[in-house]
N, C-alpha and C. Protein backbone atom coordinates (compact mmCIF):
# COMPACT_ATOMS: atom_id res chain seq x y z
N MET A 1 -34.87 -12.21 -12.27
CA MET A 1 -33.76 -11.28 -12.52
C MET A 1 -33.41 -10.54 -11.22
N LYS A 2 -32.11 -10.52 -10.86
CA LYS A 2 -31.71 -9.91 -9.61
C LYS A 2 -31.69 -8.38 -9.71
N LYS A 3 -32.03 -7.76 -8.60
CA LYS A 3 -32.01 -6.31 -8.50
C LYS A 3 -30.56 -5.83 -8.50
N THR A 4 -30.28 -4.74 -9.21
CA THR A 4 -28.94 -4.17 -9.28
C THR A 4 -28.90 -2.85 -8.52
N LEU A 5 -27.88 -2.69 -7.69
CA LEU A 5 -27.72 -1.48 -6.89
C LEU A 5 -26.37 -0.84 -7.19
N ASN A 6 -26.29 0.46 -6.96
CA ASN A 6 -25.05 1.20 -7.18
C ASN A 6 -24.37 1.51 -5.85
N ILE A 7 -23.04 1.48 -5.86
CA ILE A 7 -22.28 1.85 -4.67
C ILE A 7 -21.09 2.70 -5.09
N ASN A 8 -20.83 3.73 -4.31
CA ASN A 8 -19.72 4.65 -4.60
C ASN A 8 -18.56 4.34 -3.65
N ILE A 9 -17.44 3.89 -4.24
CA ILE A 9 -16.24 3.62 -3.45
C ILE A 9 -15.12 4.49 -3.99
N LYS A 10 -14.64 5.41 -3.16
CA LYS A 10 -13.54 6.31 -3.53
C LYS A 10 -13.87 7.09 -4.81
N GLY A 11 -15.15 7.50 -4.94
CA GLY A 11 -15.56 8.31 -6.07
C GLY A 11 -15.85 7.53 -7.35
N ILE A 12 -15.76 6.21 -7.29
CA ILE A 12 -16.03 5.37 -8.47
C ILE A 12 -17.32 4.59 -8.23
N ILE A 13 -18.23 4.65 -9.20
CA ILE A 13 -19.52 3.97 -9.09
C ILE A 13 -19.41 2.54 -9.61
N PHE A 14 -19.83 1.58 -8.81
CA PHE A 14 -19.89 0.18 -9.23
C PHE A 14 -21.34 -0.30 -9.18
N HIS A 15 -21.68 -1.15 -10.13
CA HIS A 15 -23.01 -1.77 -10.15
C HIS A 15 -22.89 -3.17 -9.56
N LEU A 16 -23.65 -3.44 -8.50
CA LEU A 16 -23.61 -4.74 -7.83
C LEU A 16 -25.01 -5.35 -7.80
N ASP A 17 -25.08 -6.68 -7.96
CA ASP A 17 -26.39 -7.29 -7.75
C ASP A 17 -26.68 -7.27 -6.24
N GLU A 18 -27.93 -7.51 -5.88
CA GLU A 18 -28.36 -7.30 -4.50
C GLU A 18 -27.58 -8.15 -3.50
N ASP A 19 -27.32 -9.41 -3.85
CA ASP A 19 -26.56 -10.29 -2.94
C ASP A 19 -25.14 -9.76 -2.72
N ALA A 20 -24.51 -9.33 -3.82
CA ALA A 20 -23.14 -8.80 -3.73
C ALA A 20 -23.12 -7.51 -2.91
N TYR A 21 -24.12 -6.67 -3.12
CA TYR A 21 -24.22 -5.41 -2.38
C TYR A 21 -24.32 -5.65 -0.88
N ASN A 22 -25.20 -6.55 -0.49
CA ASN A 22 -25.39 -6.85 0.93
C ASN A 22 -24.12 -7.45 1.55
N LYS A 23 -23.47 -8.34 0.80
CA LYS A 23 -22.24 -8.98 1.28
C LYS A 23 -21.13 -7.94 1.48
N LEU A 24 -20.99 -7.06 0.50
CA LEU A 24 -19.96 -6.03 0.58
C LEU A 24 -20.22 -5.06 1.72
N ASN A 25 -21.49 -4.65 1.88
CA ASN A 25 -21.83 -3.73 2.96
C ASN A 25 -21.51 -4.33 4.33
N THR A 26 -21.82 -5.61 4.49
CA THR A 26 -21.52 -6.30 5.75
C THR A 26 -20.02 -6.34 5.99
N TYR A 27 -19.25 -6.60 4.93
CA TYR A 27 -17.80 -6.67 5.04
C TYR A 27 -17.21 -5.31 5.40
N LEU A 28 -17.68 -4.24 4.74
CA LEU A 28 -17.17 -2.91 5.02
C LEU A 28 -17.50 -2.46 6.45
N GLU A 29 -18.68 -2.83 6.92
CA GLU A 29 -19.06 -2.50 8.30
C GLU A 29 -18.17 -3.26 9.30
N GLU A 30 -17.84 -4.50 8.94
CA GLU A 30 -16.95 -5.31 9.79
C GLU A 30 -15.58 -4.64 9.91
N ILE A 31 -15.08 -4.11 8.78
CA ILE A 31 -13.79 -3.44 8.77
C ILE A 31 -13.84 -2.16 9.61
N LYS A 32 -14.90 -1.37 9.41
CA LYS A 32 -15.02 -0.10 10.15
C LYS A 32 -15.16 -0.35 11.65
N THR A 33 -15.88 -1.40 12.02
CA THR A 33 -16.04 -1.73 13.44
C THR A 33 -14.71 -2.16 14.04
N HIS A 34 -13.94 -2.94 13.27
CA HIS A 34 -12.65 -3.44 13.76
C HIS A 34 -11.67 -2.30 14.04
N PHE A 35 -11.64 -1.30 13.14
CA PHE A 35 -10.66 -0.23 13.27
C PHE A 35 -11.20 1.00 14.01
N ARG A 36 -12.45 0.92 14.48
CA ARG A 36 -13.02 2.04 15.21
C ARG A 36 -12.18 2.33 16.46
N ASN A 37 -11.91 3.62 16.66
CA ASN A 37 -11.14 4.10 17.81
C ASN A 37 -9.67 3.69 17.77
N LYS A 38 -9.22 3.12 16.63
CA LYS A 38 -7.81 2.79 16.50
C LYS A 38 -7.07 3.94 15.82
N LYS A 39 -5.82 4.13 16.22
CA LYS A 39 -5.02 5.21 15.66
C LYS A 39 -4.81 4.99 14.16
N GLY A 40 -5.06 6.05 13.38
CA GLY A 40 -4.86 5.97 11.93
C GLY A 40 -5.96 5.23 11.20
N GLN A 41 -7.14 5.10 11.82
CA GLN A 41 -8.22 4.32 11.20
C GLN A 41 -8.62 4.84 9.82
N GLU A 42 -8.64 6.16 9.65
CA GLU A 42 -9.07 6.73 8.37
C GLU A 42 -8.11 6.35 7.24
N GLU A 43 -6.81 6.44 7.50
CA GLU A 43 -5.83 6.10 6.46
C GLU A 43 -5.86 4.61 6.15
N ILE A 44 -6.01 3.79 7.17
CA ILE A 44 -6.05 2.33 6.96
C ILE A 44 -7.28 1.96 6.13
N ILE A 45 -8.45 2.48 6.52
CA ILE A 45 -9.69 2.18 5.78
C ILE A 45 -9.60 2.73 4.36
N ASN A 46 -8.98 3.88 4.19
CA ASN A 46 -8.81 4.47 2.86
C ASN A 46 -7.99 3.54 1.96
N ASP A 47 -6.90 2.97 2.50
CA ASP A 47 -6.07 2.04 1.72
C ASP A 47 -6.82 0.75 1.40
N ILE A 48 -7.62 0.28 2.34
CA ILE A 48 -8.41 -0.93 2.11
C ILE A 48 -9.42 -0.69 0.99
N GLU A 49 -10.09 0.45 1.03
CA GLU A 49 -11.08 0.77 -0.01
C GLU A 49 -10.41 0.94 -1.37
N ASN A 50 -9.23 1.53 -1.39
CA ASN A 50 -8.50 1.67 -2.66
C ASN A 50 -8.19 0.30 -3.26
N ARG A 51 -7.81 -0.64 -2.41
CA ARG A 51 -7.49 -1.98 -2.88
C ARG A 51 -8.75 -2.68 -3.40
N ILE A 52 -9.87 -2.50 -2.71
CA ILE A 52 -11.13 -3.09 -3.17
C ILE A 52 -11.51 -2.54 -4.54
N VAL A 53 -11.31 -1.24 -4.73
CA VAL A 53 -11.59 -0.62 -6.04
C VAL A 53 -10.74 -1.27 -7.13
N GLU A 54 -9.44 -1.45 -6.86
CA GLU A 54 -8.55 -2.08 -7.84
C GLU A 54 -9.02 -3.49 -8.20
N LEU A 55 -9.39 -4.26 -7.19
CA LEU A 55 -9.83 -5.64 -7.42
C LEU A 55 -11.15 -5.70 -8.19
N PHE A 56 -12.07 -4.79 -7.89
CA PHE A 56 -13.33 -4.74 -8.62
C PHE A 56 -13.11 -4.36 -10.08
N GLN A 57 -12.22 -3.40 -10.31
CA GLN A 57 -11.95 -2.96 -11.68
C GLN A 57 -11.36 -4.09 -12.53
N GLN A 58 -10.60 -4.97 -11.88
CA GLN A 58 -10.04 -6.12 -12.60
C GLN A 58 -11.13 -7.10 -13.03
N LYS A 59 -12.27 -7.06 -12.35
CA LYS A 59 -13.36 -7.99 -12.65
C LYS A 59 -14.24 -7.51 -13.81
N LEU A 60 -14.17 -6.22 -14.11
CA LEU A 60 -15.07 -5.64 -15.09
C LEU A 60 -14.41 -5.53 -16.46
N ASN A 61 -15.22 -5.65 -17.49
CA ASN A 61 -14.77 -5.47 -18.87
C ASN A 61 -15.98 -5.07 -19.72
N ASP A 62 -15.80 -5.03 -21.04
CA ASP A 62 -16.89 -4.61 -21.93
C ASP A 62 -18.10 -5.54 -21.84
N LYS A 63 -17.85 -6.82 -21.56
CA LYS A 63 -18.94 -7.78 -21.52
C LYS A 63 -19.53 -7.95 -20.12
N LYS A 64 -18.82 -7.47 -19.12
CA LYS A 64 -19.29 -7.62 -17.74
C LYS A 64 -19.24 -6.27 -17.04
N GLN A 65 -20.39 -5.76 -16.63
CA GLN A 65 -20.47 -4.46 -15.99
C GLN A 65 -21.04 -4.51 -14.58
N VAL A 66 -21.40 -5.71 -14.13
CA VAL A 66 -22.02 -5.85 -12.81
C VAL A 66 -21.18 -6.78 -11.93
N ILE A 67 -20.91 -6.33 -10.71
CA ILE A 67 -20.20 -7.15 -9.73
C ILE A 67 -21.19 -8.11 -9.08
N VAL A 68 -20.85 -9.41 -9.09
CA VAL A 68 -21.75 -10.41 -8.50
C VAL A 68 -21.15 -10.90 -7.18
N ILE A 69 -21.92 -11.68 -6.46
CA ILE A 69 -21.49 -12.11 -5.11
C ILE A 69 -20.19 -12.92 -5.14
N GLU A 70 -19.98 -13.69 -6.22
CA GLU A 70 -18.73 -14.46 -6.33
C GLU A 70 -17.52 -13.53 -6.39
N ASP A 71 -17.68 -12.36 -7.04
CA ASP A 71 -16.60 -11.38 -7.10
C ASP A 71 -16.29 -10.83 -5.72
N VAL A 72 -17.33 -10.50 -4.98
CA VAL A 72 -17.16 -9.96 -3.63
C VAL A 72 -16.50 -10.99 -2.72
N GLU A 73 -16.93 -12.24 -2.84
CA GLU A 73 -16.35 -13.31 -2.01
C GLU A 73 -14.87 -13.50 -2.31
N GLU A 74 -14.48 -13.35 -3.58
CA GLU A 74 -13.06 -13.49 -3.94
C GLU A 74 -12.24 -12.33 -3.38
N VAL A 75 -12.82 -11.11 -3.43
CA VAL A 75 -12.14 -9.94 -2.87
C VAL A 75 -11.93 -10.14 -1.36
N ILE A 76 -12.95 -10.64 -0.68
CA ILE A 76 -12.85 -10.88 0.76
C ILE A 76 -11.80 -11.95 1.06
N ARG A 77 -11.74 -12.96 0.20
CA ARG A 77 -10.75 -14.02 0.39
C ARG A 77 -9.34 -13.46 0.24
N ILE A 78 -9.14 -12.55 -0.71
CA ILE A 78 -7.82 -11.94 -0.94
C ILE A 78 -7.46 -11.01 0.21
N MET A 79 -8.41 -10.18 0.61
CA MET A 79 -8.16 -9.17 1.63
C MET A 79 -8.13 -9.74 3.04
N GLY A 80 -8.98 -10.74 3.28
CA GLY A 80 -9.08 -11.34 4.62
C GLY A 80 -10.05 -10.59 5.51
N HIS A 81 -10.49 -11.26 6.57
CA HIS A 81 -11.36 -10.66 7.58
C HIS A 81 -10.49 -10.14 8.72
N PRO A 82 -10.83 -8.98 9.29
CA PRO A 82 -10.07 -8.49 10.45
C PRO A 82 -10.06 -9.50 11.60
N ALA A 83 -11.17 -10.18 11.81
CA ALA A 83 -11.27 -11.14 12.91
C ALA A 83 -10.30 -12.32 12.73
N ASP A 84 -9.99 -12.66 11.48
CA ASP A 84 -9.09 -13.78 11.21
C ASP A 84 -7.74 -13.56 11.88
N PHE A 85 -7.26 -12.32 11.87
CA PHE A 85 -5.93 -12.01 12.37
C PHE A 85 -5.94 -11.75 13.87
N ASP A 86 -7.11 -11.52 14.43
CA ASP A 86 -7.23 -11.41 15.88
C ASP A 86 -7.15 -12.78 16.53
N GLU A 87 -7.68 -13.79 15.81
CA GLU A 87 -7.79 -15.13 16.38
C GLU A 87 -6.63 -16.04 16.01
N ASP A 88 -5.86 -15.67 14.96
CA ASP A 88 -4.78 -16.54 14.49
C ASP A 88 -3.66 -16.67 15.50
N SER A 89 -2.98 -17.80 15.45
CA SER A 89 -1.77 -17.98 16.25
C SER A 89 -0.65 -17.18 15.62
N GLU A 90 0.49 -17.08 16.33
CA GLU A 90 1.63 -16.35 15.79
C GLU A 90 2.13 -16.98 14.51
N ASP A 91 2.11 -18.32 14.43
CA ASP A 91 2.59 -19.00 13.22
C ASP A 91 1.69 -18.66 12.04
N ASP A 92 0.36 -18.67 12.26
CA ASP A 92 -0.58 -18.35 11.19
C ASP A 92 -0.39 -16.90 10.76
N ARG A 93 -0.20 -16.02 11.74
CA ARG A 93 -0.01 -14.61 11.42
C ARG A 93 1.25 -14.41 10.57
N ALA A 94 2.30 -15.11 10.93
CA ALA A 94 3.55 -15.01 10.17
C ALA A 94 3.34 -15.51 8.74
N PHE A 95 2.51 -16.53 8.58
CA PHE A 95 2.25 -17.06 7.24
C PHE A 95 1.56 -16.00 6.38
N TYR A 96 0.54 -15.33 6.94
CA TYR A 96 -0.19 -14.32 6.19
C TYR A 96 0.71 -13.16 5.80
N LEU A 97 1.61 -12.77 6.71
CA LEU A 97 2.43 -11.60 6.47
C LEU A 97 3.59 -11.89 5.53
N SER A 98 4.01 -13.14 5.42
CA SER A 98 5.19 -13.46 4.63
C SER A 98 4.85 -13.80 3.17
N GLY A 99 3.58 -13.94 2.84
CA GLY A 99 3.20 -14.26 1.48
C GLY A 99 3.57 -13.14 0.53
N LYS A 100 3.80 -13.47 -0.72
CA LYS A 100 4.20 -12.47 -1.68
C LYS A 100 3.06 -12.14 -2.63
N GLY A 101 2.94 -10.86 -2.97
CA GLY A 101 1.93 -10.42 -3.91
C GLY A 101 2.59 -9.93 -5.19
N LYS A 102 1.81 -9.28 -6.02
CA LYS A 102 2.30 -8.78 -7.30
C LYS A 102 3.06 -7.48 -7.07
N LYS A 103 4.28 -7.40 -7.58
CA LYS A 103 5.08 -6.19 -7.43
C LYS A 103 4.69 -5.14 -8.46
N ARG A 104 4.75 -3.89 -8.03
CA ARG A 104 4.54 -2.76 -8.93
C ARG A 104 5.70 -1.79 -8.78
N LEU A 105 6.04 -1.13 -9.87
CA LEU A 105 7.18 -0.21 -9.86
C LEU A 105 6.73 1.17 -9.39
N PHE A 106 7.32 1.63 -8.30
CA PHE A 106 7.06 2.97 -7.76
C PHE A 106 8.40 3.63 -7.44
N ARG A 107 8.35 4.95 -7.30
CA ARG A 107 9.51 5.66 -6.74
C ARG A 107 9.40 5.59 -5.22
N ASN A 108 10.50 5.21 -4.58
CA ASN A 108 10.50 5.10 -3.12
C ASN A 108 10.92 6.43 -2.51
N ILE A 109 9.92 7.27 -2.20
CA ILE A 109 10.22 8.62 -1.71
C ILE A 109 10.62 8.62 -0.23
N ASP A 110 10.52 7.46 0.43
CA ASP A 110 10.96 7.37 1.82
C ASP A 110 12.46 7.08 1.93
N ASP A 111 13.07 6.64 0.83
CA ASP A 111 14.50 6.33 0.82
C ASP A 111 15.07 6.89 -0.48
N ARG A 112 15.25 8.19 -0.50
CA ARG A 112 15.66 8.83 -1.75
C ARG A 112 16.83 9.77 -1.56
N MET A 113 17.60 9.91 -2.64
CA MET A 113 18.64 10.92 -2.70
C MET A 113 18.10 12.13 -3.47
N LEU A 114 17.32 11.83 -4.53
CA LEU A 114 16.66 12.88 -5.31
C LEU A 114 15.16 12.58 -5.41
N GLY A 115 14.80 11.74 -6.39
CA GLY A 115 13.38 11.47 -6.60
C GLY A 115 12.92 10.10 -6.16
N GLY A 116 13.84 9.29 -5.66
CA GLY A 116 13.46 7.94 -5.23
C GLY A 116 13.44 6.92 -6.36
N VAL A 117 13.99 7.30 -7.53
CA VAL A 117 13.97 6.39 -8.69
C VAL A 117 14.84 5.16 -8.43
N CYS A 118 16.08 5.39 -8.00
CA CYS A 118 17.01 4.27 -7.78
C CYS A 118 16.50 3.33 -6.69
N SER A 119 15.98 3.92 -5.63
CA SER A 119 15.45 3.11 -4.53
C SER A 119 14.24 2.29 -4.99
N GLY A 120 13.41 2.89 -5.82
CA GLY A 120 12.24 2.18 -6.36
C GLY A 120 12.65 1.05 -7.28
N LEU A 121 13.63 1.30 -8.13
CA LEU A 121 14.14 0.25 -9.02
C LEU A 121 14.77 -0.88 -8.21
N GLY A 122 15.48 -0.50 -7.15
CA GLY A 122 16.10 -1.50 -6.29
C GLY A 122 15.07 -2.41 -5.65
N ALA A 123 13.98 -1.82 -5.17
CA ALA A 123 12.90 -2.61 -4.56
C ALA A 123 12.25 -3.53 -5.58
N TYR A 124 12.06 -3.04 -6.80
CA TYR A 124 11.39 -3.82 -7.84
C TYR A 124 12.24 -5.01 -8.29
N PHE A 125 13.55 -4.79 -8.43
CA PHE A 125 14.43 -5.85 -8.93
C PHE A 125 15.20 -6.56 -7.81
N ASN A 126 14.85 -6.26 -6.55
CA ASN A 126 15.54 -6.87 -5.40
C ASN A 126 17.04 -6.62 -5.42
N ILE A 127 17.39 -5.36 -5.69
CA ILE A 127 18.80 -4.95 -5.73
C ILE A 127 19.00 -3.85 -4.69
N ASP A 128 20.16 -3.83 -4.08
CA ASP A 128 20.48 -2.76 -3.16
C ASP A 128 20.43 -1.42 -3.91
N PRO A 129 19.67 -0.43 -3.42
CA PRO A 129 19.57 0.87 -4.10
C PRO A 129 20.92 1.52 -4.35
N THR A 130 21.89 1.26 -3.48
CA THR A 130 23.22 1.83 -3.64
C THR A 130 23.86 1.36 -4.95
N ILE A 131 23.63 0.09 -5.27
CA ILE A 131 24.18 -0.46 -6.53
C ILE A 131 23.55 0.23 -7.73
N VAL A 132 22.24 0.46 -7.66
CA VAL A 132 21.54 1.15 -8.76
C VAL A 132 22.09 2.57 -8.91
N ARG A 133 22.33 3.24 -7.79
CA ARG A 133 22.88 4.61 -7.85
C ARG A 133 24.27 4.62 -8.47
N ILE A 134 25.08 3.63 -8.11
CA ILE A 134 26.43 3.53 -8.69
C ILE A 134 26.36 3.32 -10.20
N ILE A 135 25.42 2.48 -10.63
CA ILE A 135 25.24 2.23 -12.08
C ILE A 135 24.89 3.53 -12.80
N PHE A 136 24.00 4.34 -12.21
CA PHE A 136 23.63 5.61 -12.82
C PHE A 136 24.82 6.56 -12.88
N LEU A 137 25.63 6.58 -11.83
CA LEU A 137 26.81 7.45 -11.81
C LEU A 137 27.84 7.03 -12.85
N LEU A 138 28.07 5.71 -12.96
CA LEU A 138 29.00 5.20 -13.98
C LEU A 138 28.52 5.53 -15.38
N ALA A 139 27.21 5.35 -15.59
CA ALA A 139 26.64 5.67 -16.90
C ALA A 139 26.78 7.16 -17.21
N LEU A 140 26.69 7.98 -16.16
CA LEU A 140 26.83 9.44 -16.36
C LEU A 140 28.24 9.78 -16.83
N PHE A 141 29.25 9.17 -16.22
CA PHE A 141 30.64 9.48 -16.58
C PHE A 141 31.04 8.83 -17.91
N LEU A 142 30.48 7.65 -18.21
CA LEU A 142 30.88 6.93 -19.43
C LEU A 142 30.11 7.39 -20.66
N ALA A 143 28.80 7.57 -20.49
CA ALA A 143 27.98 7.90 -21.66
C ALA A 143 27.36 9.29 -21.56
N GLY A 144 27.06 9.71 -20.34
CA GLY A 144 26.50 11.05 -20.17
C GLY A 144 24.99 11.14 -20.34
N GLY A 145 24.35 10.03 -20.62
CA GLY A 145 22.90 10.07 -20.87
C GLY A 145 22.05 9.67 -19.69
N SER A 146 22.69 9.33 -18.57
CA SER A 146 21.91 8.81 -17.44
C SER A 146 21.03 9.88 -16.79
N ILE A 147 21.44 11.15 -16.90
CA ILE A 147 20.64 12.22 -16.31
C ILE A 147 19.27 12.30 -17.00
N LEU A 148 19.30 12.24 -18.32
CA LEU A 148 18.05 12.28 -19.10
C LEU A 148 17.17 11.07 -18.76
N VAL A 149 17.80 9.89 -18.68
CA VAL A 149 17.06 8.67 -18.34
C VAL A 149 16.44 8.81 -16.95
N TYR A 150 17.21 9.34 -16.01
CA TYR A 150 16.71 9.51 -14.63
C TYR A 150 15.51 10.45 -14.60
N VAL A 151 15.62 11.56 -15.31
CA VAL A 151 14.52 12.54 -15.33
C VAL A 151 13.26 11.94 -15.94
N VAL A 152 13.43 11.18 -17.02
CA VAL A 152 12.28 10.52 -17.66
C VAL A 152 11.62 9.54 -16.70
N LEU A 153 12.44 8.74 -16.02
CA LEU A 153 11.92 7.77 -15.05
C LEU A 153 11.24 8.49 -13.88
N TRP A 154 11.81 9.60 -13.47
CA TRP A 154 11.22 10.40 -12.39
C TRP A 154 9.81 10.85 -12.77
N ILE A 155 9.65 11.25 -14.04
CA ILE A 155 8.34 11.72 -14.52
C ILE A 155 7.36 10.57 -14.70
N VAL A 156 7.85 9.46 -15.26
CA VAL A 156 6.98 8.35 -15.64
C VAL A 156 6.56 7.49 -14.44
N ILE A 157 7.50 7.20 -13.55
CA ILE A 157 7.22 6.29 -12.43
C ILE A 157 6.51 7.05 -11.30
N PRO A 158 5.36 6.58 -10.87
CA PRO A 158 4.63 7.27 -9.79
C PRO A 158 5.29 7.02 -8.43
N PRO A 159 5.13 7.94 -7.49
CA PRO A 159 5.68 7.73 -6.15
C PRO A 159 4.78 6.82 -5.32
N ALA A 160 5.38 6.07 -4.41
CA ALA A 160 4.60 5.23 -3.48
C ALA A 160 4.25 6.08 -2.27
N ARG A 161 3.02 6.57 -2.22
CA ARG A 161 2.61 7.45 -1.14
C ARG A 161 1.77 6.73 -0.08
N SER A 162 0.79 5.96 -0.52
CA SER A 162 -0.09 5.29 0.43
C SER A 162 0.55 4.01 0.95
N VAL A 163 -0.03 3.49 2.03
CA VAL A 163 0.47 2.24 2.62
C VAL A 163 0.36 1.09 1.62
N SER A 164 -0.77 1.02 0.92
CA SER A 164 -0.98 -0.08 -0.04
C SER A 164 0.02 -0.01 -1.19
N GLU A 165 0.35 1.21 -1.65
CA GLU A 165 1.35 1.36 -2.72
C GLU A 165 2.73 0.93 -2.26
N LYS A 166 3.06 1.22 -1.00
CA LYS A 166 4.35 0.81 -0.46
C LYS A 166 4.44 -0.71 -0.32
N LEU A 167 3.30 -1.34 0.01
CA LEU A 167 3.27 -2.80 0.08
C LEU A 167 3.48 -3.41 -1.31
N GLU A 168 2.79 -2.84 -2.30
CA GLU A 168 2.93 -3.34 -3.68
C GLU A 168 4.35 -3.14 -4.19
N MET A 169 4.98 -2.04 -3.80
CA MET A 169 6.36 -1.78 -4.21
C MET A 169 7.30 -2.87 -3.71
N GLN A 170 7.04 -3.37 -2.50
CA GLN A 170 7.87 -4.43 -1.92
C GLN A 170 7.41 -5.83 -2.32
N GLY A 171 6.27 -5.92 -3.02
CA GLY A 171 5.76 -7.23 -3.43
C GLY A 171 5.00 -7.94 -2.33
N ASP A 172 4.55 -7.20 -1.31
CA ASP A 172 3.78 -7.80 -0.23
C ASP A 172 2.29 -7.75 -0.56
N PRO A 173 1.53 -8.79 -0.20
CA PRO A 173 0.09 -8.80 -0.48
C PRO A 173 -0.60 -7.63 0.22
N VAL A 174 -1.52 -6.97 -0.50
CA VAL A 174 -2.25 -5.85 0.08
C VAL A 174 -3.48 -6.42 0.79
N THR A 175 -3.28 -6.89 2.00
CA THR A 175 -4.35 -7.45 2.82
C THR A 175 -4.60 -6.51 4.00
N ILE A 176 -5.72 -6.72 4.68
CA ILE A 176 -6.05 -5.91 5.85
C ILE A 176 -4.94 -5.98 6.88
N SER A 177 -4.46 -7.18 7.14
CA SER A 177 -3.42 -7.37 8.14
C SER A 177 -2.13 -6.64 7.78
N ASN A 178 -1.71 -6.76 6.52
CA ASN A 178 -0.47 -6.11 6.09
C ASN A 178 -0.59 -4.59 6.10
N ILE A 179 -1.77 -4.08 5.71
CA ILE A 179 -1.99 -2.63 5.73
C ILE A 179 -1.89 -2.11 7.16
N GLU A 180 -2.54 -2.80 8.08
CA GLU A 180 -2.50 -2.38 9.48
C GLU A 180 -1.07 -2.46 10.03
N LYS A 181 -0.36 -3.55 9.72
CA LYS A 181 1.00 -3.75 10.21
C LYS A 181 1.94 -2.67 9.65
N ALA A 182 1.83 -2.40 8.34
CA ALA A 182 2.69 -1.41 7.71
C ALA A 182 2.42 -0.01 8.27
N PHE A 183 1.16 0.28 8.52
CA PHE A 183 0.81 1.60 9.07
C PHE A 183 1.41 1.77 10.47
N LYS A 184 1.31 0.73 11.29
CA LYS A 184 1.87 0.79 12.65
C LYS A 184 3.38 0.99 12.60
N GLU A 185 4.05 0.28 11.68
CA GLU A 185 5.50 0.41 11.55
C GLU A 185 5.88 1.83 11.13
N GLU A 186 5.07 2.39 10.22
CA GLU A 186 5.32 3.75 9.75
C GLU A 186 5.17 4.75 10.89
N MET A 187 4.13 4.57 11.71
CA MET A 187 3.89 5.46 12.85
C MET A 187 5.02 5.34 13.88
N ASN A 188 5.52 4.11 14.08
CA ASN A 188 6.62 3.90 15.03
C ASN A 188 7.90 4.58 14.54
N GLU A 189 8.15 4.53 13.22
CA GLU A 189 9.33 5.18 12.66
C GLU A 189 9.25 6.69 12.85
N ILE A 190 8.06 7.24 12.62
CA ILE A 190 7.87 8.69 12.80
C ILE A 190 8.08 9.07 14.26
N LYS A 191 7.54 8.23 15.15
CA LYS A 191 7.69 8.49 16.59
C LYS A 191 9.16 8.46 17.01
N ASP A 192 9.89 7.46 16.48
CA ASP A 192 11.33 7.35 16.81
C ASP A 192 12.10 8.57 16.33
N LYS A 193 11.76 9.05 15.12
CA LYS A 193 12.45 10.23 14.59
C LYS A 193 12.15 11.47 15.42
N LEU A 194 10.87 11.60 15.84
CA LEU A 194 10.49 12.74 16.68
C LEU A 194 11.20 12.68 18.03
N ASP A 195 11.31 11.47 18.59
CA ASP A 195 12.02 11.30 19.86
C ASP A 195 13.49 11.69 19.73
N ASP A 196 14.11 11.28 18.60
CA ASP A 196 15.52 11.61 18.36
C ASP A 196 15.71 13.13 18.22
N LEU A 197 14.77 13.77 17.49
CA LEU A 197 14.86 15.23 17.31
C LEU A 197 14.68 15.95 18.64
N THR A 198 13.75 15.45 19.44
CA THR A 198 13.50 16.06 20.75
C THR A 198 14.73 15.94 21.64
N GLU A 199 15.33 14.75 21.65
CA GLU A 199 16.53 14.51 22.46
C GLU A 199 17.70 15.39 21.98
N HIS A 200 17.82 15.50 20.65
CA HIS A 200 18.88 16.34 20.08
C HIS A 200 18.68 17.80 20.47
N ALA A 201 17.43 18.25 20.42
CA ALA A 201 17.12 19.63 20.79
C ALA A 201 17.44 19.89 22.27
N LYS A 202 17.13 18.91 23.13
CA LYS A 202 17.42 19.04 24.56
C LYS A 202 18.93 19.16 24.81
N GLN A 203 19.70 18.30 24.12
CA GLN A 203 21.16 18.30 24.29
C GLN A 203 21.75 19.62 23.80
N THR A 204 21.23 20.13 22.66
CA THR A 204 21.71 21.40 22.11
C THR A 204 21.41 22.54 23.09
N PHE A 205 20.20 22.51 23.66
CA PHE A 205 19.80 23.55 24.61
C PHE A 205 20.69 23.53 25.86
N LYS A 206 21.01 22.31 26.34
CA LYS A 206 21.86 22.17 27.53
C LYS A 206 23.26 22.74 27.28
N LYS A 207 23.80 22.45 26.07
CA LYS A 207 25.14 22.92 25.72
C LYS A 207 25.18 24.45 25.68
N LYS A 208 24.14 25.04 25.06
CA LYS A 208 24.08 26.50 24.97
C LYS A 208 23.93 27.12 26.35
N LYS A 209 23.17 26.43 27.20
CA LYS A 209 22.95 26.95 28.54
C LYS A 209 24.24 26.90 29.35
């Protein structure tokens, strides 16, 4: 009979057999080593751990309470190894990044007029958010009930806050490579906005002077 060990990931306790525990520990250390000294390492590792928790929870049920090595190996296959993307050619990298994952409905708070409901629906159904907004406005003038529907959706649909949630909203696989890529893109967007604000402030100051 194999020894069973407990591991705490993001505040959730999982029971793993010894082989699975050792395999997972090695994998997590590999991830931490890869992202050590990289900008945003804590947020990236946090998103990776959240995804691992989701995948483990899918493996468990009333009849199965212990994660075995086959489960860990499948999680690693889904998530990928950091080294895989360091060594891949550009074509291989493009293949990994272009694959599609399971879509989830979120409010897109990065592209919102109010609560991000229309933008989130647009991402889920592959529709331009502007079209969704127009539909809500037409429904408001014709029936008058769209405000109530919007408020209910605002309450019910969760916002996409983390990198992994934003990937799921777009239907992109939540892999190590995609998490890292999405985080870098997010940081670049923030940097560009800060640069624009700085330039605008300089121009305003010059005019006043």
